[in-house]
PDB file of N, CA and C in Angstrom:
ATOM      1  N   MET A   1     109.732  43.628 121.617  1.00  0.00           N
ATOM      2  CA  MET A   1     109.137  42.289 121.340  1.00  0.00           C
ATOM      3  C   MET A   1     110.179  41.872 120.411  1.00  0.00           C
ATOM      4  N   ASN A   2     110.204  40.684 119.645  1.00  0.00           N
ATOM      5  CA  ASN A   2     110.879  40.258 118.619  1.00  0.00           C
ATOM      6  C   ASN A   2     110.023  40.079 117.630  1.00  0.00           C
ATOM      7  N   PHE A   3     110.469  40.001 116.750  1.00  0.00           N
ATOM      8  CA  PHE A   3     109.739  39.668 115.160  1.00  0.00           C
ATOM      9  C   PHE A   3     109.042  38.368 115.533  1.00  0.00           C
ATOM     10  N   ARG A   4     109.477  37.308 116.264  1.00  0.00           N
ATOM     11  CA  ARG A   4     108.266  36.092 116.093  1.00  0.00           C
ATOM     12  C   ARG A   4     107.050  36.610 116.938  1.00  0.00           C
ATOM     13  N   GLU A   5     107.307  37.078 118.379  1.00  0.00           N
ATOM     14  CA  GLU A   5     106.393  37.381 118.895  1.00  0.00           C
ATOM     15  C   GLU A   5     105.377  38.605 118.313  1.00  0.00           C
ATOM     16  N   THR A   6     105.765  39.568 117.581  1.00  0.00           N
ATOM     17  CA  THR A   6     104.752  40.396 116.540  1.00  0.00           C
ATOM     18  C   THR A   6     104.017  39.694 115.974  1.00  0.00           C
ATOM     19  N   THR A   7     104.857  38.875 115.310  1.00  0.00           N
ATOM     20  CA  THR A   7     104.072  38.044 113.813  1.00  0.00           C
ATOM     21  C   THR A   7     102.927  37.598 114.575  1.00  0.00           C
ATOM     22  N   ILE A   8     103.208  36.798 115.660  1.00  0.00           N
ATOM     23  CA  ILE A   8     102.204  35.928 116.235  1.00  0.00           C
ATOM     24  C   ILE A   8     100.790  37.139 116.996  1.00  0.00           C
ATOM     25  N   LYS A   9     101.203  37.893 117.482  1.00  0.00           N
ATOM     26  CA  LYS A   9     100.480  38.694 118.177  1.00  0.00           C
ATOM     27  C   LYS A   9      99.471  39.821 116.685  1.00  0.00           C
ATOM     28  N   TYR A  10     100.470  39.443 115.863  1.00  0.00           N
ATOM     29  CA  TYR A  10      99.605  40.327 114.528  1.00  0.00           C
ATOM     30  C   TYR A  10      98.857  39.375 114.222  1.00  0.00           C
ATOM     31  N   LEU A  11      98.796  37.806 113.785  1.00  0.00           N
ATOM     32  CA  LEU A  11      98.193  37.136 113.244  1.00  0.00           C
ATOM     33  C   LEU A  11      96.900  36.569 114.384  1.00  0.00           C
ATOM     34  N   LYS A  12      96.806  36.582 115.885  1.00  0.00           N
ATOM     35  CA  LYS A  12      96.036  36.953 116.845  1.00  0.00           C
ATOM     36  C   LYS A  12      94.737  37.646 116.259  1.00  0.00           C
ATOM     37  N   ASP A  13      95.626  39.129 116.307  1.00  0.00           N
ATOM     38  CA  ASP A  13      94.464  40.461 116.356  1.00  0.00           C
ATOM     39  C   ASP A  13      93.973  39.941 114.944  1.00  0.00           C
ATOM     40  N   ILE A  14      94.242  39.458 113.811  1.00  0.00           N
ATOM     41  CA  ILE A  14      93.600  39.294 112.460  1.00  0.00           C
ATOM     42  C   ILE A  14      92.301  38.410 112.567  1.00  0.00           C
ATOM     43  N   LEU A  15      92.660  36.964 113.441  1.00  0.00           N
ATOM     44  CA  LEU A  15      91.671  36.184 113.300  1.00  0.00           C
ATOM     45  C   LEU A  15      90.619  36.355 114.316  1.00  0.00           C
ATOM     46  N   ARG A  16      91.101  37.036 115.604  1.00  0.00           N
ATOM     47  CA  ARG A  16      90.268  37.146 116.156  1.00  0.00           C
ATOM     48  C   ARG A  16      88.798  38.104 115.895  1.00  0.00           C
ATOM     49  N   SER A  17      87.720  37.728 116.695  1.00  0.00           N
ATOM     50  CA  SER A  17      86.476  38.188 116.129  1.00  0.00           C
ATOM     51  C   SER A  17      86.263  39.961 116.382  1.00  0.00           C
ATOM     52  N   LYS A  18      85.763  40.614 115.385  1.00  0.00           N
ATOM     53  CA  LYS A  18      85.948  42.283 116.125  1.00  0.00           C
ATOM     54  C   LYS A  18      84.852  42.594 116.739  1.00  0.00           C
ATOM     55  N   THR A  19      85.189  43.534 117.912  1.00  0.00           N
ATOM     56  CA  THR A  19      84.164  44.185 118.641  1.00  0.00           C
ATOM     57  C   THR A  19      83.103  44.576 117.736  1.00  0.00           C
ATOM     58  N   ILE A  20      81.762  44.806 118.303  1.00  0.00           N
ATOM     59  CA  ILE A  20      80.984  45.843 117.845  1.00  0.00           C
ATOM     60  C   ILE A  20      81.657  47.043 117.750  1.00  0.00           C
ATOM     61  N   ALA A  21      82.299  47.710 118.566  1.00  0.00           N
ATOM     62  CA  ALA A  21      82.538  49.267 118.476  1.00  0.00           C
ATOM     63  C   ALA A  21      83.893  49.219 117.107  1.00  0.00           C
ATOM     64  N   GLU A  22      84.467  48.339 117.293  1.00  0.00           N
ATOM     65  CA  GLU A  22      85.517  48.206 116.235  1.00  0.00           C
ATOM     66  C   GLU A  22      84.718  48.313 114.745  1.00  0.00           C
ATOM     67  N   VAL A  23      83.936  47.722 114.529  1.00  0.00           N
ATOM     68  CA  VAL A  23      83.181  47.231 113.486  1.00  0.00           C
ATOM     69  C   VAL A  23      82.392  48.865 113.085  1.00  0.00           C
ATOM     70  N   ILE A  24      82.001  49.377 113.616  1.00  0.00           N
ATOM     71  CA  ILE A  24      80.983  50.822 113.727  1.00  0.00           C
ATOM     72  C   ILE A  24      82.409  51.681 113.233  1.00  0.00           C
ATOM     73  N   GLN A  25      83.434  51.424 114.112  1.00  0.00           N
ATOM     74  CA  GLN A  25      84.542  52.429 113.703  1.00  0.00           C
ATOM     75  C   GLN A  25      85.261  52.537 112.317  1.00  0.00           C
ATOM     76  N   VAL A  26      84.935  50.978 111.564  1.00  0.00           N
ATOM     77  CA  VAL A  26      85.604  50.703 110.293  1.00  0.00           C
ATOM     78  C   VAL A  26      84.462  51.352 109.374  1.00  0.00           C
ATOM     79  N   GLU A  27      83.048  51.269 109.530  1.00  0.00           N
ATOM     80  CA  GLU A  27      82.191  51.632 108.905  1.00  0.00           C
ATOM     81  C   GLU A  27      82.186  53.162 108.767  1.00  0.00           C
ATOM     82  N   LEU A  28      82.268  54.112 110.191  1.00  0.00           N
ATOM     83  CA  LEU A  28      82.403  55.365 110.096  1.00  0.00           C
ATOM     84  C   LEU A  28      83.887  56.055 109.104  1.00  0.00           C
ATOM     85  N   GLU A  29      84.453  55.522 109.285  1.00  0.00           N
ATOM     86  CA  GLU A  29      85.787  55.520 108.815  1.00  0.00           C
ATOM     87  C   GLU A  29      85.406  55.846 107.204  1.00  0.00           C
ATOM     88  N   GLN A  30      84.993  54.327 106.428  1.00  0.00           N
ATOM     89  CA  GLN A  30      84.566  54.252 105.429  1.00  0.00           C
ATOM     90  C   GLN A  30      83.616  55.157 105.244  1.00  0.00           C
ATOM     91  N   ALA A  31      82.217  55.562 105.599  1.00  0.00           N
ATOM     92  CA  ALA A  31      81.245  56.880 105.607  1.00  0.00           C
ATOM     93  C   ALA A  31      82.267  58.221 105.236  1.00  0.00           C
ATOM     94  N   HIS A  32      83.112  58.700 106.687  1.00  0.00           N
ATOM     95  CA  HIS A  32      83.815  59.805 106.002  1.00  0.00           C
ATOM     96  C   HIS A  32      84.585  59.760 104.439  1.00  0.00           C
ATOM     97  N   LEU A  33      85.082  59.057 104.579  1.00  0.00           N
ATOM     98  CA  LEU A  33      85.785  58.868 103.179  1.00  0.00           C
ATOM     99  C   LEU A  33      84.882  58.875 102.057  1.00  0.00           C
ATOM    100  N   ARG A  34      83.709  58.157 101.973  1.00  0.00           N
ATOM    101  CA  ARG A  34      82.680  58.230 100.605  1.00  0.00           C
ATOM    102  C   ARG A  34      82.337  59.478 100.431  1.00  0.00           C
ATOM    103  N   LYS A  35      82.539  60.427 101.663  1.00  0.00           N
ATOM    104  CA  LYS A  35      81.304  61.713 101.867  1.00  0.00           C
ATOM    105  C   LYS A  35      82.160  62.492 101.140  1.00  0.00           C
ATOM    106  N   LEU A  36      83.747  62.597 101.647  1.00  0.00           N
ATOM    107  CA  LEU A  36      84.868  63.422 101.036  1.00  0.00           C
ATOM    108  C   LEU A  36      84.785  63.187  99.410  1.00  0.00           C
ATOM    109  N   GLU A  37      84.619  61.724  99.009  1.00  0.00           N
ATOM    110  CA  GLU A  37      85.045  61.612  97.563  1.00  0.00           C
ATOM    111  C   GLU A  37      83.748  62.081  97.069  1.00  0.00           C
ATOM    112  N   ALA A  38      82.671  62.277  97.440  1.00  0.00           N
ATOM    113  CA  ALA A  38      81.245  62.570  96.717  1.00  0.00           C
ATOM    114  C   ALA A  38      81.335  64.174  96.827  1.00  0.00           C
ATOM    115  N   GLU A  39      81.893  65.054  97.870  1.00  0.00           N
ATOM    116  CA  GLU A  39      81.966  65.986  97.970  1.00  0.00           C
ATOM    117  C   GLU A  39      82.615  66.882  96.811  1.00  0.00           C
ATOM    118  N   THR A  40      84.025  66.124  96.424  1.00  0.00           N
ATOM    119  CA  THR A  40      85.268  66.207  95.489  1.00  0.00           C
ATOM    120  C   THR A  40      84.510  65.982  94.202  1.00  0.00           C
ATOM    121  N   ALA A  41      83.656  64.808  93.601  1.00  0.00           N
ATOM    122  CA  ALA A  41      82.674  65.001  92.500  1.00  0.00           C
ATOM    123  C   ALA A  41      82.156  66.008  92.450  1.00  0.00           C
ATOM    124  N   ALA A  42      81.237  66.407  93.467  1.00  0.00           N
ATOM    125  CA  ALA A  42      80.128  67.541  93.577  1.00  0.00           C
ATOM    126  C   ALA A  42      80.731  68.661  93.181  1.00  0.00           C
ATOM    127  N   GLU A  43      82.040  68.930  93.973  1.00  0.00           N
ATOM    128  CA  GLU A  43      82.717  70.299  93.197  1.00  0.00           C
ATOM    129  C   GLU A  43      83.313  70.561  91.825  1.00  0.00           C
ATOM    130  N   TYR A  44      83.586  68.953  91.419  1.00  0.00           N
ATOM    131  CA  TYR A  44      84.149  69.036  89.897  1.00  0.00           C
ATOM    132  C   TYR A  44      82.904  69.124  88.745  1.00  0.00           C
ATOM    133  N   ALA A  45      81.705  68.660  89.485  1.00  0.00           N
ATOM    134  CA  ALA A  45      80.963  68.656  88.205  1.00  0.00           C
ATOM    135  C   ALA A  45      80.027  70.466  88.626  1.00  0.00           C
ATOM    136  N   TYR A  46      80.395  70.742  89.552  1.00  0.00           N
ATOM    137  CA  TYR A  46      79.662  72.496  89.497  1.00  0.00           C
ATOM    138  C   TYR A  46      81.056  72.971  88.781  1.00  0.00           C
ATOM    139  N   ALA A  47      81.930  72.694  88.801  1.00  0.00           N
ATOM    140  CA  ALA A  47      83.049  73.437  88.253  1.00  0.00           C
ATOM    141  C   ALA A  47      82.791  73.319  86.314  1.00  0.00           C
ATOM    142  N   THR A  48      82.599  71.722  85.983  1.00  0.00           N
ATOM    143  CA  THR A  48      82.009  71.517  84.833  1.00  0.00           C
ATOM    144  C   THR A  48      81.342  72.471  84.385  1.00  0.00           C
ATOM    145  N   ILE A  49      79.760  72.719  85.389  1.00  0.00           N
ATOM    146  CA  ILE A  49      78.684  73.068  84.907  1.00  0.00           C
ATOM    147  C   ILE A  49      78.989  74.497  84.608  1.00  0.00           C
ATOM    148  N   GLN A  50      79.612  75.531  85.480  1.00  0.00           N
ATOM    149  CA  GLN A  50      79.906  76.765  85.410  1.00  0.00           C
ATOM    150  C   GLN A  50      80.767  76.967  83.800  1.00  0.00           C
ATOM    151  N   TYR A  51      81.891  76.133  83.555  1.00  0.00           N
ATOM    152  CA  TYR A  51      82.879  75.978  82.486  1.00  0.00           C
ATOM    153  C   TYR A  51      81.621  76.120  81.453  1.00  0.00           C
ATOM    154  N   ASN A  52      80.719  75.274  81.034  1.00  0.00           N
ATOM    155  CA  ASN A  52      80.242  75.048  80.013  1.00  0.00           C
ATOM    156  C   ASN A  52      78.851  76.112  79.990  1.00  0.00           C
ATOM    157  N   ASP A  53      78.444  76.780  80.984  1.00  0.00           N
ATOM    158  CA  ASP A  53      77.807  78.097  81.414  1.00  0.00           C
ATOM    159  C   ASP A  53      78.732  79.121  80.358  1.00  0.00           C
ATOM    160  N   GLU A  54      79.929  79.696  80.954  1.00  0.00           N
ATOM    161  CA  GLU A  54      80.717  80.553  80.139  1.00  0.00           C
ATOM    162  C   GLU A  54      81.260  80.035  78.746  1.00  0.00           C
ATOM    163  N   ARG A  55      81.162  79.175  78.536  1.00  0.00           N
ATOM    164  CA  ARG A  55      81.575  78.765  76.840  1.00  0.00           C
ATOM    165  C   ARG A  55      80.180  79.174  76.169  1.00  0.00           C
ATOM    166  N   ILE A  56      79.149  78.550  76.549  1.00  0.00           N
ATOM    167  CA  ILE A  56      77.578  78.650  76.197  1.00  0.00           C
ATOM    168  C   ILE A  56      77.716  80.269  75.429  1.00  0.00           C
ATOM    169  N   ALA A  57      77.614  81.097  76.783  1.00  0.00           N
ATOM    170  CA  ALA A  57      77.654  82.310  76.604  1.00  0.00           C
ATOM    171  C   ALA A  57      78.372  82.986  75.260  1.00  0.00           C
ATOM    172  N   ARG A  58      79.667  82.570  75.652  1.00  0.00           N
ATOM    173  CA  ARG A  58      80.811  83.042  74.698  1.00  0.00           C
ATOM    174  C   ARG A  58      80.716  82.756  73.142  1.00  0.00           C
ATOM    175  N   LEU A  59      79.948  81.529  73.184  1.00  0.00           N
ATOM    176  CA  LEU A  59      79.663  80.956  71.760  1.00  0.00           C
ATOM    177  C   LEU A  59      78.447  81.466  71.045  1.00  0.00           C
ATOM    178  N   GLN A  60      77.282  81.728  71.628  1.00  0.00           N
ATOM    179  CA  GLN A  60      76.345  82.393  71.634  1.00  0.00           C
ATOM    180  C   GLN A  60      76.697  84.021  71.415  1.00  0.00           C
ATOM    181  N   LYS A  61      77.180  84.493  71.706  1.00  0.00           N
ATOM    182  CA  LYS A  61      77.964  86.357  71.914  1.00  0.00           C
ATOM    183  C   LYS A  61      78.821  86.080  70.225  1.00  0.00           C
ATOM    184  N   ARG A  62      79.389  85.500  70.155  1.00  0.00           N
ATOM    185  CA  ARG A  62      80.355  85.201  68.800  1.00  0.00           C
ATOM    186  C   ARG A  62      79.586  84.685  67.675  1.00  0.00           C
ATOM    187  N   LEU A  63      78.259  83.837  67.971  1.00  0.00           N
ATOM    188  CA  LEU A  63      77.643  83.428  66.754  1.00  0.00           C
ATOM    189  C   LEU A  63      76.542  84.334  66.661  1.00  0.00           C
ATOM    190  N   ALA A  64      76.178  85.547  67.249  1.00  0.00           N
ATOM    191  CA  ALA A  64      75.626  86.801  67.269  1.00  0.00           C
ATOM    192  C   ALA A  64      76.060  87.644  66.760  1.00  0.00           C
ATOM    193  N   GLN A  65      77.918  87.727  66.960  1.00  0.00           N
ATOM    194  CA  GLN A  65      78.408  88.719  66.100  1.00  0.00           C
ATOM    195  C   GLN A  65      78.784  88.497  64.495  1.00  0.00           C
ATOM    196  N   HIS A  66      79.096  87.149  64.228  1.00  0.00           N
ATOM    197  CA  HIS A  66      79.150  86.937  62.794  1.00  0.00           C
ATOM    198  C   HIS A  66      77.887  86.303  62.282  1.00  0.00           C
ATOM    199  N   ALA A  67      76.578  86.580  62.847  1.00  0.00           N
ATOM    200  CA  ALA A  67      75.588  85.973  62.088  1.00  0.00           C
ATOM    201  C   ALA A  67      75.243  86.371  60.341  1.00  0.00           C
ATOM    202  N   GLY A  68      75.498  87.248  59.879  1.00  0.00           N
ATOM    203  CA  GLY A  68      75.467  87.814  58.794  1.00  0.00           C
ATOM    204  C   GLY A  68      76.319  87.378  58.092  1.00  0.00           C
ATOM    205  N   GLU A  69      77.598  86.960  58.145  1.00  0.00           N
ATOM    206  CA  GLU A  69      79.328  86.767  57.215  1.00  0.00           C
ATOM    207  C   GLU A  69      79.020  85.485  56.596  1.00  0.00           C
ATOM    208  N   ASP A  70      78.024  84.533  56.569  1.00  0.00           N
ATOM    209  CA  ASP A  70      77.706  83.394  56.210  1.00  0.00           C
ATOM    210  C   ASP A  70      77.189  83.553  54.923  1.00  0.00           C
ATOM    211  N   LYS A  71      76.255  84.164  54.825  1.00  0.00           N
ATOM    212  CA  LYS A  71      75.708  84.596  53.437  1.00  0.00           C
ATOM    213  C   LYS A  71      76.630  85.115  52.469  1.00  0.00           C
ATOM    214  N   HIS A  72      76.422  84.115  51.526  1.00  0.00           N
ATOM    215  CA  HIS A  72      77.299  84.227  50.216  1.00  0.00           C
ATOM    216  C   HIS A  72      75.628  84.556  48.956  1.00  0.00           C
ATOM    217  N   ASP A  73      75.173  85.579  48.790  1.00  0.00           N
ATOM    218  CA  ASP A  73      74.346  85.681  47.812  1.00  0.00           C
ATOM    219  C   ASP A  73      75.022  86.593  46.535  1.00  0.00           C
TER     220      ASP A  73
END
C-alpha cells in the first residue's frame, strides 16, 4: 500500500460509523483505565494516612517527653 491508499483507507475508517462492538470496546478500555487511576489514587491516599498516623504518634510522644520543659516559673 502506498501513502495515498493508506491515507484514503485511514480517512474512510475515521468517517465510517462505528459498530456497537467497537463502541463497547472503547468504553471498556476507558473503564479499565479509570479503574487503574482510581486504584493508584487509593494507594496514595492510604500511604498518606499511614504516614500521618505515624507522624501523629511520633509528635504526641515527643510532646509528652517535653511536657514540663516549657514552664518557666
